[in-house]
C-alpha atoms as a PDB file:
ATOM      1  CA  MET A   1     104.212 135.988  57.171  1.00  0.00           C
ATOM      2  CA  VAL A   2     102.434 136.179  60.504  1.00  0.00           C
ATOM      3  CA  LEU A   3     101.084 139.628  61.163  1.00  0.00           C
ATOM      4  CA  LEU A   4     100.423 140.102  64.863  1.00  0.00           C
ATOM      5  CA  ALA A   5      98.759 143.531  64.754  1.00  0.00           C
ATOM      6  CA  ALA A   6      98.212 146.619  62.641  1.00  0.00           C
ATOM      7  CA  SER A   7      98.042 149.982  64.382  1.00  0.00           C
ATOM      8  CA  ILE A   8      97.885 153.661  63.675  1.00  0.00           C
ATOM      9  CA  CYS A   9      99.676 155.432  66.487  1.00  0.00           C
ATOM     10  CA  THR A  10     101.035 158.844  67.367  1.00  0.00           C
ATOM     11  CA  LYS A  11     104.716 159.737  67.271  1.00  0.00           C
ATOM     12  CA  ALA A  12     104.711 159.131  71.051  1.00  0.00           C
ATOM     13  CA  GLY A  13     103.471 155.556  70.574  1.00  0.00           C
ATOM     14  CA  LYS A  14      99.868 156.088  71.723  1.00  0.00           C
ATOM     15  CA  PRO A  15      97.642 153.785  69.646  1.00  0.00           C
ATOM     16  CA  LEU A  16      94.691 155.515  67.964  1.00  0.00           C
ATOM     17  CA  ILE A  17      93.317 152.338  66.436  1.00  0.00           C
ATOM     18  CA  SER A  18      94.730 148.857  66.512  1.00  0.00           C
ATOM     19  CA  ARG A  19      93.629 145.484  65.208  1.00  0.00           C
ATOM     20  CA  GLN A  20      95.148 142.289  66.591  1.00  0.00           C
ATOM     21  CA  PHE A  21      95.109 139.375  64.171  1.00  0.00           C
ATOM     22  CA  VAL A  22      96.352 136.757  66.639  1.00  0.00           C
ATOM     23  CA  GLU A  23      95.599 136.172  70.307  1.00  0.00           C
ATOM     24  CA  MET A  24      97.446 138.862  72.277  1.00  0.00           C
ATOM     25  CA  SER A  25      96.506 140.844  75.330  1.00  0.00           C
ATOM     26  CA  ARG A  26      95.739 144.525  75.080  1.00  0.00           C
ATOM     27  CA  SER A  27      98.462 145.391  77.578  1.00  0.00           C
ATOM     28  CA  ARG A  28     101.060 143.528  75.486  1.00  0.00           C
ATOM     29  CA  ILE A  29     100.081 145.442  72.339  1.00  0.00           C
ATOM     30  CA  GLU A  30     100.088 148.754  74.222  1.00  0.00           C
ATOM     31  CA  GLY A  31     103.505 147.934  75.679  1.00  0.00           C
ATOM     32  CA  LEU A  32     104.949 147.058  72.288  1.00  0.00           C
ATOM     33  CA  LEU A  33     103.543 150.229  70.737  1.00  0.00           C
ATOM     34  CA  ALA A  34     104.753 152.365  73.664  1.00  0.00           C
ATOM     35  CA  SER A  35     108.299 151.078  73.178  1.00  0.00           C
ATOM     36  CA  PHE A  36     108.181 151.647  69.402  1.00  0.00           C
ATOM     37  CA  PRO A  37     109.146 155.376  69.350  1.00  0.00           C
ATOM     38  CA  LYS A  38     112.237 154.646  71.481  1.00  0.00           C
ATOM     39  CA  LEU A  39     113.435 152.058  68.965  1.00  0.00           C
ATOM     40  CA  ILE A  40     113.365 154.260  65.888  1.00  0.00           C
ATOM     41  CA  GLY A  41     115.966 156.941  65.587  1.00  0.00           C
ATOM     42  CA  ALA A  42     115.464 160.367  64.084  1.00  0.00           C
ATOM     43  CA  GLY A  43     116.469 160.648  60.453  1.00  0.00           C
ATOM     44  CA  LYS A  44     116.802 156.911  59.794  1.00  0.00           C
ATOM     45  CA  GLN A  45     115.932 155.721  56.309  1.00  0.00           C
ATOM     46  CA  HIS A  46     114.733 152.266  57.344  1.00  0.00           C
ATOM     47  CA  THR A  47     111.049 151.410  57.608  1.00  0.00           C
ATOM     48  CA  PHE A  48     111.465 148.518  60.012  1.00  0.00           C
ATOM     49  CA  VAL A  49     112.977 147.865  63.426  1.00  0.00           C
ATOM     50  CA  GLU A  50     113.536 144.503  65.102  1.00  0.00           C
ATOM     51  CA  THR A  51     113.631 143.479  68.726  1.00  0.00           C
ATOM     52  CA  ASP A  52     114.352 139.990  70.044  1.00  0.00           C
ATOM     53  CA  THR A  53     110.629 139.088  69.866  1.00  0.00           C
ATOM     54  CA  VAL A  54     108.919 141.135  67.125  1.00  0.00           C
ATOM     55  CA  ARG A  55     109.551 143.217  64.044  1.00  0.00           C
ATOM     56  CA  TYR A  56     108.020 146.667  63.649  1.00  0.00           C
ATOM     57  CA  VAL A  57     107.340 147.604  60.034  1.00  0.00           C
ATOM     58  CA  TYR A  58     106.202 151.208  59.827  1.00  0.00           C
ATOM     59  CA  GLN A  59     105.259 154.042  57.517  1.00  0.00           C
ATOM     60  CA  PRO A  60     105.537 157.588  58.885  1.00  0.00           C
ATOM     61  CA  PHE A  61     102.802 160.105  58.150  1.00  0.00           C
ATOM     62  CA  ASP A  62     102.854 163.758  59.251  1.00  0.00           C
ATOM     63  CA  LYS A  63     102.121 163.232  62.945  1.00  0.00           C
ATOM     64  CA  LEU A  64     101.306 159.519  62.943  1.00  0.00           C
ATOM     65  CA  TYR A  65     102.760 156.121  62.131  1.00  0.00           C
ATOM     66  CA  MET A  66     101.167 153.149  60.441  1.00  0.00           C
ATOM     67  CA  VAL A  67     102.788 150.250  62.311  1.00  0.00           C
ATOM     68  CA  LEU A  68     102.642 146.533  61.602  1.00  0.00           C
ATOM     69  CA  LEU A  69     103.843 144.138  64.286  1.00  0.00           C
ATOM     70  CA  THR A  70     105.105 140.899  62.778  1.00  0.00           C
ATOM     71  CA  THR A  71     107.057 137.900  63.898  1.00  0.00           C
ATOM     72  CA  LYS A  72     110.800 137.983  63.242  1.00  0.00           C
ATOM     73  CA  THR A  73     110.479 134.955  60.971  1.00  0.00           C
ATOM     74  CA  SER A  74     108.115 136.686  58.563  1.00  0.00           C
ATOM     75  CA  ASN A  75     109.245 137.662  55.090  1.00  0.00           C
ATOM     76  CA  ILE A  76     110.314 141.330  55.199  1.00  0.00           C
ATOM     77  CA  LEU A  77     109.410 141.886  51.524  1.00  0.00           C
ATOM     78  CA  GLU A  78     105.864 140.637  52.116  1.00  0.00           C
ATOM     79  CA  ASP A  79     105.707 142.759  55.258  1.00  0.00           C
ATOM     80  CA  LEU A  80     106.678 145.873  53.305  1.00  0.00           C
ATOM     81  CA  GLU A  81     104.121 145.105  50.582  1.00  0.00           C
ATOM     82  CA  THR A  82     101.425 144.651  53.220  1.00  0.00           C
ATOM     83  CA  LEU A  83     102.470 147.917  54.857  1.00  0.00           C
ATOM     84  CA  ARG A  84     102.148 149.735  51.513  1.00  0.00           C
ATOM     85  CA  LEU A  85      98.617 148.367  51.115  1.00  0.00           C
ATOM     86  CA  PHE A  86      97.672 149.473  54.643  1.00  0.00           C
ATOM     87  CA  SER A  87      99.215 152.900  54.072  1.00  0.00           C
ATOM     88  CA  ARG A  88      97.365 153.386  50.785  1.00  0.00           C
ATOM     89  CA  GLU A  89      94.099 152.387  52.436  1.00  0.00           C
ATOM     90  CA  ILE A  90      94.180 155.172  55.047  1.00  0.00           C
ATOM     91  CA  PRO A  91      93.787 158.083  52.560  1.00  0.00           C
ATOM     92  CA  GLU A  92      90.860 156.217  50.988  1.00  0.00           C
ATOM     93  CA  TYR A  93      88.835 156.894  54.147  1.00  0.00           C
ATOM     94  CA  CYS A  94      90.523 159.941  55.699  1.00  0.00           C
ATOM     95  CA  LYS A  95      90.839 163.305  53.943  1.00  0.00           C
ATOM     96  CA  THR A  96      93.784 164.225  56.145  1.00  0.00           C
ATOM     97  CA  VAL A  97      95.849 161.815  58.174  1.00  0.00           C
ATOM     98  CA  ASP A  98      95.383 163.223  61.654  1.00  0.00           C
ATOM     99  CA  GLU A  99      93.906 162.003  64.935  1.00  0.00           C
ATOM    100  CA  LYS A 100      90.473 163.533  64.388  1.00  0.00           C
ATOM    101  CA  GLU A 101      90.014 161.929  60.971  1.00  0.00           C
ATOM    102  CA  ILE A 102      91.322 158.567  62.197  1.00  0.00           C
ATOM    103  CA  PHE A 103      88.810 158.570  65.070  1.00  0.00           C
ATOM    104  CA  GLU A 104      85.945 159.624  62.767  1.00  0.00           C
ATOM    105  CA  HIS A 105      86.667 156.775  60.335  1.00  0.00           C
ATOM    106  CA  ALA A 106      87.886 154.151  62.809  1.00  0.00           C
ATOM    107  CA  PHE A 107      85.256 151.537  61.990  1.00  0.00           C
ATOM    108  CA  GLU A 108      85.751 151.843  58.237  1.00  0.00           C
ATOM    109  CA  LEU A 109      89.523 151.581  58.660  1.00  0.00           C
ATOM    110  CA  LEU A 110      89.247 148.523  60.906  1.00  0.00           C
ATOM    111  CA  ALA A 111      86.889 146.853  58.425  1.00  0.00           C
ATOM    112  CA  ALA A 112      89.431 147.514  55.687  1.00  0.00           C
ATOM    113  CA  PHE A 113      92.202 146.129  57.920  1.00  0.00           C
ATOM    114  CA  ASP A 114      90.157 142.954  58.328  1.00  0.00           C
ATOM    115  CA  GLU A 115      89.881 142.612  54.560  1.00  0.00           C
ATOM    116  CA  ILE A 116      93.649 142.931  54.132  1.00  0.00           C
ATOM    117  CA  VAL A 117      94.634 140.372  56.799  1.00  0.00           C
ATOM    118  CA  ALA A 118      92.833 137.286  58.083  1.00  0.00           C
ATOM    119  CA  LEU A 119      94.138 135.249  61.003  1.00  0.00           C
ATOM    120  CA  GLY A 120      97.542 136.878  60.704  1.00  0.00           C
ATOM    121  CA  TYR A 121      98.046 136.182  57.005  1.00  0.00           C
ATOM    122  CA  LYS A 122      97.760 138.707  54.179  1.00  0.00           C
ATOM    123  CA  GLU A 123      94.858 138.196  51.825  1.00  0.00           C
ATOM    124  CA  ASN A 124      95.477 138.488  48.096  1.00  0.00           C
ATOM    125  CA  VAL A 125      93.470 141.717  47.590  1.00  0.00           C
ATOM    126  CA  ASN A 126      93.953 145.156  46.070  1.00  0.00           C
ATOM    127  CA  LEU A 127      92.453 148.558  46.905  1.00  0.00           C
ATOM    128  CA  ALA A 128      89.494 148.180  44.540  1.00  0.00           C
ATOM    129  CA  GLN A 129      88.565 144.793  46.005  1.00  0.00           C
ATOM    130  CA  ILE A 130      88.827 146.106  49.556  1.00  0.00           C
ATOM    131  CA  ARG A 131      86.530 149.020  48.666  1.00  0.00           C
ATOM    132  CA  THR A 132      84.035 146.615  47.088  1.00  0.00           C
ATOM    133  CA  TYR A 133      84.080 144.286  50.088  1.00  0.00           C
ATOM    134  CA  THR A 134      83.652 147.046  52.659  1.00  0.00           C
ATOM    135  CA  GLU A 135      80.788 148.652  50.730  1.00  0.00           C
ATOM    136  CA  MET A 136      79.136 145.321  49.985  1.00  0.00           C
ATOM    137  CA  ASP A 137      75.361 145.514  49.944  1.00  0.00           C
ATOM    138  CA  SER A 138      73.446 142.840  51.812  1.00  0.00           C
ATOM    139  CA  HIS A 139      70.027 141.641  50.669  1.00  0.00           C
ATOM    140  CA  ASP A 140      69.215 140.458  54.184  1.00  0.00           C
ATOM    141  CA  GLU A 141      70.113 143.867  55.583  1.00  0.00           C
ATOM    142  CA  ARG A 142      67.825 145.615  53.076  1.00  0.00           C
ATOM    143  CA  VAL A 143      64.951 143.236  53.934  1.00  0.00           C
ATOM    144  CA  HIS A 144      65.534 143.836  57.648  1.00  0.00           C
ATOM    145  CA  ASP A 145      65.599 147.623  57.148  1.00  0.00           C
ATOM    146  CA  ALA A 146      62.382 147.503  55.096  1.00  0.00           C
ATOM    147  CA  MET A 147      60.646 145.431  57.789  1.00  0.00           C
ATOM    148  CA  ARG A 148      61.829 147.823  60.492  1.00  0.00           C
ATOM    149  CA  LEU A 149      60.503 150.851  58.555  1.00  0.00           C
ATOM    150  CA  CYS A 150      57.171 149.107  58.026  1.00  0.00           C
ATOM    151  CA  GLN A 151      56.915 148.317  61.740  1.00  0.00           C
ATOM    152  CA  GLU A 152      57.747 151.927  62.616  1.00  0.00           C
ATOM    153  CA  ARG A 153      55.006 153.215  60.254  1.00  0.00           C
ATOM    154  CA  GLU A 154      52.483 150.781  61.735  1.00  0.00           C
ATOM    155  CA  ALA A 155      53.404 151.883  65.257  1.00  0.00           C
ATOM    156  CA  LYS A 156      52.954 155.555  64.284  1.00  0.00           C
ATOM    157  CA  ASP A 157      49.576 154.780  62.733  1.00  0.00           C
ATOM    158  CA  ARG A 158      48.482 152.915  65.882  1.00  0.00           C
ATOM    159  CA  MET A 159      49.629 155.849  68.024  1.00  0.00           C
ATOM    160  CA  LYS A 160      47.633 158.308  65.875  1.00  0.00           C
ATOM    161  CA  GLN A 161      44.554 156.070  66.045  1.00  0.00           C
ATOM    162  CA  ARG A 162      44.873 155.745  69.816  1.00  0.00           C
ATOM    163  CA  ALA A 163      45.296 159.539  70.143  1.00  0.00           C
ATOM    164  CA  LYS A 164      42.078 160.040  68.131  1.00  0.00           C
ATOM    165  CA  GLU A 165      40.257 157.542  70.337  1.00  0.00           C
ATOM    166  CA  LEU A 166      41.441 159.320  73.489  1.00  0.00           C
ATOM    167  CA  ASP A 167      40.367 162.718  72.085  1.00  0.00           C
ATOM    168  CA  LEU A 168      36.959 161.322  71.193  1.00  0.00           C
ATOM    169  CA  GLN A 169      36.628 159.742  74.625  1.00  0.00           C
ATOM    170  CA  LYS A 170      37.599 163.032  76.256  1.00  0.00           C
ATOM    171  CA  THR A 171      35.088 164.965  74.133  1.00  0.00           C
ATOM    172  CA  CYS A 172      32.326 162.460  74.911  1.00  0.00           C
ATOM    173  CA  SER A 173      33.016 162.526  78.626  1.00  0.00           C
ATOM    174  CA  ALA A 174      32.976 166.342  78.599  1.00  0.00           C
ATOM    175  CA  TRP A 175      29.672 166.343  76.684  1.00  0.00           C
ATOM    176  CA  TRP A 176      28.256 163.714  79.033  1.00  0.00           C
ATOM    177  CA  SER A 177      29.247 165.802  82.071  1.00  0.00           C
ATOM    178  CA  ARG A 178      27.516 168.885  80.657  1.00  0.00           C
ATOM    179  CA  SER A 179      24.427 166.947  79.663  1.00  0.00           C
ATOM    180  CA  LYS A 180      24.118 165.487  83.176  1.00  0.00           C
ATOM    181  CA  ILE A 181      24.235 168.993  84.611  1.00  0.00           C
ATOM    182  CA  SER A 182      21.614 170.145  82.118  1.00  0.00           C
ATOM    183  CA  TRP A 183      19.414 167.129  82.811  1.00  0.00           C
ATOM    184  CA  ARG A 184      19.622 167.673  86.572  1.00  0.00           C
ATOM    185  CA  THR A 185      18.728 171.304  86.146  1.00  0.00           C
ATOM    186  CA  LEU A 186      15.689 170.414  84.045  1.00  0.00           C
ATOM    187  CA  ASN A 187      14.558 167.746  86.482  1.00  0.00           C
ATOM    188  CA  SER A 188      14.908 169.897  89.576  1.00  0.00           C
ATOM    189  CA  PRO A 189      11.657 170.649  91.493  1.00  0.00           C
ATOM    190  CA  GLY A 190      11.798 174.363  90.704  1.00  0.00           C
ATOM    191  CA  PHE A 191      11.118 173.863  86.992  1.00  0.00           C
END
């Protein structure tokens, strides 16, 4: 099976998020997704539609579609299984399947999409594995975060020290100005 792209789009064919797994231009994907609503008929029981170049495998949600674009030579049973996995992944990240939730969780969804398909071919993963992979903790990331926090604390400490130095300098210069005035007054010929 060669999966060209996975998209979540509106009933009108406007893509909300889309991940291309093979080299395709954005305009081509948008064109294919824009023509998708015209190809499916109302009330049809099928979950796929074919054109002369691609196959659309889709799962309807309330106001959205989960659409997979595949080659016509791909195995339809594998395509449907992949679609089920994609469709089960969406509720894992979104409380409700609507535009607002999709946009709020776009990066998490795209990361999950990347775990399901690599270079156009379905990976042998399940929901639990996808969740583990997307939440994977990185030792290097923790070390980097700790170093960044340490640098931020040091910078704050340096700023506080510099502020104290400036206050002390200001106080000294004010005292010095007053003492010069006092000294001049004492040294004036009238005293």
